[in-house]
Amino acid sequence: MGALADAISVLKDVLQMRGDLDRLSKNVDKLASVTDDLDRRMIRIETMVEIASKRAAARLPKK
């Protein structure tokens, strides 16, 4: 009976680990989504800075 109880205990642990892995996987997906959003925002900011720099350079008097 001891071996059966140990086997059941191990199976419960495996099922709990599986649930933990599923939860972690969902969290990673959320983090990936947030990272993609931040990447898009950063690209927009970089583009605005680049455009502003080019406009400022065009307005400077040439020597």
Protein backbone atom coordinates (compact mmCIF):
# COMPACT_ATOMS: atom_id res chain seq x y z
CA MET A 1 0.00 0.00 0.00
CA GLY A 2 2.92 2.34 0.66
CA ALA A 3 4.09 2.22 -2.94
CA LEU A 4 0.59 3.00 -4.20
CA ALA A 5 0.29 5.96 -1.85
CA ASP A 6 3.67 7.23 -3.04
CA ALA A 7 2.63 6.85 -6.68
CA ILE A 8 -0.60 8.78 -6.05
CA SER A 9 1.33 11.49 -4.24
CA VAL A 10 3.75 11.81 -7.15
CA LEU A 11 0.86 12.02 -9.63
CA LYS A 12 -0.75 14.78 -7.56
CA ASP A 13 2.54 16.68 -7.59
CA VAL A 14 2.81 16.26 -11.36
CA LEU A 15 -0.73 17.58 -11.83
CA GLN A 16 0.03 20.56 -9.59
CA MET A 17 3.20 21.26 -11.61
CA ARG A 18 1.18 21.07 -14.80
CA GLY A 19 -1.23 23.68 -13.44
CA ASP A 20 1.70 25.87 -12.44
CA LEU A 21 3.21 25.54 -15.92
CA ASP A 22 -0.10 26.48 -17.53
CA ARG A 23 -0.35 29.56 -15.30
CA LEU A 24 3.24 30.53 -16.09
CA SER A 25 2.60 30.09 -19.79
CA LYS A 26 -0.36 32.49 -19.61
CA ASN A 27 1.78 35.01 -17.74
CA VAL A 28 4.50 34.76 -20.39
CA ASP A 29 1.92 35.36 -23.11
CA LYS A 30 0.70 38.48 -21.29
CA LEU A 31 4.26 39.74 -20.88
CA ALA A 32 4.93 39.15 -24.58
CA SER A 33 1.85 41.18 -25.46
CA VAL A 34 2.94 44.05 -23.21
CA THR A 35 6.44 43.92 -24.70
CA ASP A 36 5.06 44.10 -28.23
CA ASP A 37 2.94 47.10 -27.28
CA LEU A 38 5.93 48.87 -25.72
CA ASP A 39 8.02 48.10 -28.79
CA ARG A 40 5.41 49.70 -31.06
CA ARG A 41 5.23 52.76 -28.85
CA MET A 42 9.02 53.09 -28.79
CA ILE A 43 9.16 52.91 -32.58
CA ARG A 44 6.58 55.72 -32.80
CA ILE A 45 8.58 57.87 -30.38
CA GLU A 46 11.82 57.22 -32.27
CA THR A 47 10.09 58.19 -35.51
CA MET A 48 8.80 61.44 -34.02
CA VAL A 49 12.26 62.32 -32.72
CA GLU A 50 13.83 61.55 -36.09
CA ILE A 51 11.30 63.68 -37.95
CA ALA A 52 11.74 66.55 -35.48
CA SER A 53 15.53 66.34 -35.83
CA LYS A 54 15.32 66.48 -39.62
CA ARG A 55 12.95 69.45 -39.49
CA ALA A 56 15.19 71.26 -37.04
CA ALA A 57 18.25 70.60 -39.21
CA ALA A 58 16.40 71.92 -42.27
CA ARG A 59 15.48 75.15 -40.46
CA LEU A 60 19.00 75.92 -39.27
CA PRO A 61 20.76 78.57 -41.33
CA LYS A 62 23.54 77.18 -43.48
CA LYS A 63 26.99 78.70 -43.10
